[in-house]
Structure formats: structure tokens, C-alpha cells
Protein backbone atom coordinates (compact mmCIF):
# COMPACT_ATOMS: atom_id res chain seq x y z
CA UNK A 1 124.76 -34.57 162.20
CA UNK A 2 125.55 -35.48 165.97
CA UNK A 3 128.59 -33.56 166.06
CA UNK A 4 126.69 -30.61 164.89
CA UNK A 5 124.06 -31.15 166.98
CA UNK A 6 126.82 -31.43 170.13
CA UNK A 7 128.07 -28.48 168.85
CA UNK A 8 124.74 -25.99 168.64
CA UNK A 9 124.02 -27.38 172.06
CA UNK A 10 127.52 -26.43 173.54
CA UNK A 11 126.97 -23.03 171.87
CA UNK A 12 123.55 -22.41 173.62
CA UNK A 13 124.67 -23.52 176.75
CA UNK A 14 127.68 -21.09 176.55
CA UNK A 15 125.13 -18.40 175.49
CA UNK A 16 123.05 -19.29 178.50
CA UNK A 17 125.95 -19.10 180.83
CA UNK A 18 126.67 -15.51 179.37
CA UNK A 19 123.02 -14.47 180.43
CA UNK A 20 123.30 -15.70 183.93
CA UNK A 21 126.35 -14.19 184.60
CA UNK A 22 124.99 -11.09 183.16
CA UNK A 23 121.88 -11.24 185.33
CA UNK A 24 123.83 -11.79 188.03
CA UNK A 25 125.85 -8.57 187.88
CA UNK A 26 122.75 -7.01 187.21
CA UNK A 27 121.44 -7.97 190.31
CA UNK A 28 124.57 -7.04 192.03
CA UNK A 29 124.06 -3.64 190.93
CA UNK A 30 120.44 -3.47 192.06
CA UNK A 31 121.20 -4.79 195.36
CA UNK A 32 124.14 -2.16 195.39
CA UNK A 33 121.70 0.55 194.70
CA UNK A 34 118.99 -0.89 196.86
CA UNK A 35 121.52 -0.70 199.94
CA UNK A 36 122.28 3.02 199.12
CA UNK A 37 118.64 3.87 198.84
CA UNK A 38 117.97 1.95 202.11
CA UNK A 39 121.15 4.09 203.75
CA UNK A 40 119.43 7.29 202.66
CA UNK A 41 116.01 6.27 203.78
CA UNK A 42 116.95 5.38 207.30
CA UNK A 43 119.19 8.67 207.24
CA UNK A 44 115.97 10.88 206.35
CA UNK A 45 113.87 9.02 209.10
CA UNK A 46 116.70 9.67 211.63
CA UNK A 47 116.56 13.71 210.42
CA UNK A 48 112.86 13.68 210.61
CA UNK A 49 112.38 12.26 214.15
CA UNK A 50 115.28 14.97 215.07
CA UNK A 51 113.38 17.95 213.32
CA UNK A 52 109.90 16.53 215.13
CA UNK A 53 111.71 16.65 218.63
CA UNK A 54 113.04 20.29 217.69
CA UNK A 55 109.78 21.59 216.37
CA UNK A 56 108.01 19.99 219.50
CA UNK A 57 110.78 21.71 221.91
CA UNK A 58 109.91 24.94 220.00
CA UNK A 59 106.49 24.90 221.12
CA UNK A 60 104.77 24.06 217.54
CA UNK A 61 100.92 24.27 217.60
CA UNK A 62 98.87 20.83 218.06
CA UNK A 63 97.28 21.64 214.72
CA UNK A 64 100.59 21.90 212.82
CA UNK A 65 100.93 19.48 209.63
CA UNK A 66 104.12 19.28 207.59
CA UNK A 67 104.25 17.22 204.52
CA UNK A 68 108.13 15.62 204.76
CA UNK A 69 109.42 15.88 201.09
CA UNK A 70 112.22 13.64 200.01
CA UNK A 71 114.79 15.80 198.35
CA UNK A 72 116.77 14.54 195.69
CA UNK A 73 114.66 10.86 195.59
CA UNK A 74 114.50 9.61 192.25
CA UNK A 75 110.79 9.34 191.12
CA UNK A 76 111.47 6.16 188.83
CA UNK A 77 112.81 4.30 192.13
CA UNK A 78 109.72 4.98 193.90
CA UNK A 79 106.87 4.37 191.58
CA UNK A 80 103.45 6.02 192.99
CA UNK A 81 105.31 6.61 196.12
CA UNK A 82 104.09 9.73 198.46
CA UNK A 83 105.87 11.15 200.85
CA UNK A 84 105.06 10.83 204.75
CA UNK A 85 102.55 12.88 206.73
CA UNK A 86 103.97 14.23 210.07
CA UNK A 87 101.92 15.99 212.60
CA UNK A 88 104.88 18.13 213.41
CA UNK A 89 103.78 18.73 217.25
CA UNK A 90 103.48 15.20 218.26
CA UNK A 91 105.69 13.01 215.76
CA UNK A 92 102.75 11.33 214.67
CA UNK A 93 103.00 9.71 211.38
CA UNK A 94 99.72 8.96 209.18
CA UNK A 95 99.79 5.22 208.42
CA UNK A 96 101.08 4.87 204.97
CA UNK A 97 97.85 2.94 203.33
CA UNK A 98 96.16 6.17 204.70
CA UNK A 99 98.74 8.89 202.43
CA UNK A 100 96.65 8.18 199.15
CA UNK A 101 93.70 8.89 200.74
CA UNK A 102 94.78 11.94 202.44
CA UNK A 103 96.30 13.60 199.08
CA UNK A 104 93.13 12.71 197.12
CA UNK A 105 91.03 14.57 199.74
CA UNK A 106 93.41 17.36 199.53
CA UNK A 107 93.20 17.83 196.10
CA UNK A 108 89.44 17.29 195.70
CA UNK A 109 87.18 20.16 195.17
CA UNK A 110 84.47 18.61 196.96
CA UNK A 111 83.67 16.07 199.96
CA UNK A 112 83.59 12.39 198.67
CA UNK A 113 81.92 9.02 200.22
CA UNK A 114 84.02 6.02 201.06
CA UNK A 115 82.61 4.09 197.69
CA UNK A 116 83.74 7.33 195.43
CA UNK A 117 87.30 7.26 197.04
CA UNK A 118 87.43 3.37 196.53
CA UNK A 119 86.98 3.97 193.08
CA UNK A 120 89.41 6.51 192.35
CA UNK A 121 91.78 5.09 194.52
CA UNK A 122 91.07 1.69 192.30
CA UNK A 123 90.46 -0.46 195.39
CA UNK A 124 87.44 -2.77 194.89
CA UNK A 125 84.31 -0.73 195.23
CA UNK A 126 82.30 -3.87 196.59
CA UNK A 127 80.43 -3.57 199.61
CA UNK A 128 83.54 -5.31 202.10
CA UNK A 129 86.00 -2.94 200.86
CA UNK A 130 83.81 0.19 200.83
CA UNK A 131 83.02 -0.65 204.68
CA UNK A 132 86.82 -1.61 205.18
CA UNK A 133 87.83 1.95 203.86
CA UNK A 134 84.76 3.71 205.60
CA UNK A 135 85.96 2.71 209.27
CA UNK A 136 89.73 3.92 208.09
CA UNK A 137 88.14 7.30 207.17
CA UNK A 138 86.43 7.38 210.56
CA UNK A 139 89.65 6.58 212.50
CA UNK A 140 91.41 9.47 210.25
CA UNK A 141 88.31 11.77 211.32
CA UNK A 142 88.81 10.57 215.19
CA UNK A 143 92.73 11.38 214.57
CA UNK A 144 92.18 15.00 213.14
CA UNK A 145 93.65 13.87 210.12
CA UNK A 146 90.05 14.31 208.07
CA UNK A 147 86.92 16.19 208.56
CA UNK A 148 83.63 14.48 208.27
CA UNK A 149 81.49 17.96 207.69
CA UNK A 150 78.41 15.91 207.11
CA UNK A 151 77.68 11.82 207.64
CA UNK A 152 79.39 9.59 205.19
CA UNK A 153 81.08 12.67 203.38
CA UNK A 154 84.82 13.13 204.06
CA UNK A 155 87.03 15.97 203.03
CA UNK A 156 90.73 17.50 203.79
CA UNK A 157 90.48 18.99 207.45
CA UNK A 158 91.78 22.51 206.28
CA UNK A 159 89.39 22.32 202.88
CA UNK A 160 90.28 22.25 199.15
CA UNK A 161 90.32 26.15 198.99
CA UNK A 162 92.84 26.47 202.04
CA UNK A 163 95.61 24.18 201.47
CA UNK A 164 98.80 25.95 201.54
CA UNK A 165 97.27 29.35 202.57
CA UNK A 166 97.94 29.06 206.54
CA UNK A 167 101.61 30.13 207.09
CA UNK A 168 101.73 27.54 209.71
CA UNK A 169 100.34 24.48 207.47
CA UNK A 170 102.53 23.04 204.46
CA UNK A 171 101.06 20.03 202.22
């Protein structure tokens, strides 16, 4: 009985060792994929900065915006990720946390209040979160990323019916 128990424990130990080795191999593979993705991201950032500089030298209009698309990006590798939004003339990049808000307002058919945006973006809709978002929205209005057609109502600066209609703007 003792020998059988020891043999069983030895088998389980070997199985656990094989699982650990397999997981380490998977981790090494994931680390290689991460390194490759980080290198690609770095290349894209450099390319983007170069293009911004070229467009600026060509005299692009100050109000011109461009959505920077990551070609070849695997959506499974970047769940829920939105591409950065860049003001071409200045190279200014909208804060990453504000991308979902800009995307929401670009696709909305109406103006939205801070509380409605909180609810749609799945942020807590308590008073503190709503006021924090309202301050971010006001900052985005001052930076001309958003418009505030009337007090407390926020919209995309070129309007939902005009998105993509201007040859100088791409979203």
C-alpha cells in the first residue's frame, strides 16, 4: 500500500513537472510575440512622427485631423484597442483614455451629457466619476477635440452627419 501511494505521488509529481515545463514554453512563446509586437509598435510610432513632421512641413491646415490606423494589427492581440487620434498639423495626440469618448461622440447621432457618456463607456455613473469626466470633456473642448454646442452637451467637433464628408478630415 505504501509503495503504491509513493508510486502514485511520483506519477503526479512528474505530471506536474511536465505541466510546468509546458507552461514555461508557452510563456517563452508569448514573450517572443510581445517583443515582436512592441517592435512593430515602436516602428509605427516613429513612422507616425515622421509623417506628422512631413505633413506639417507641407503646410497642412491646423484643423486637419487624421485617424492613424494600425494596418496588420491582429484584433485578437489588442482587444478593445482604438487607434490613436493625431492632429496632423501639430502632431498632437489625444490622451489614450479619451479615445473611447471621441469614438463614441463621433458615432453618436446626437449630443450627449457627461452622465450618458459614463453610462455608455461603462464607467461608474456616480457623481464623482461624472464630474471627473465632465472636466475631461471640457479640456477636450478647449483643445478643440470636442464641441459643446450648449452647456453640458458634448458632440464631435465636425458633427455626426459630416464625419468623413470633408476631404481634409479622416476619422
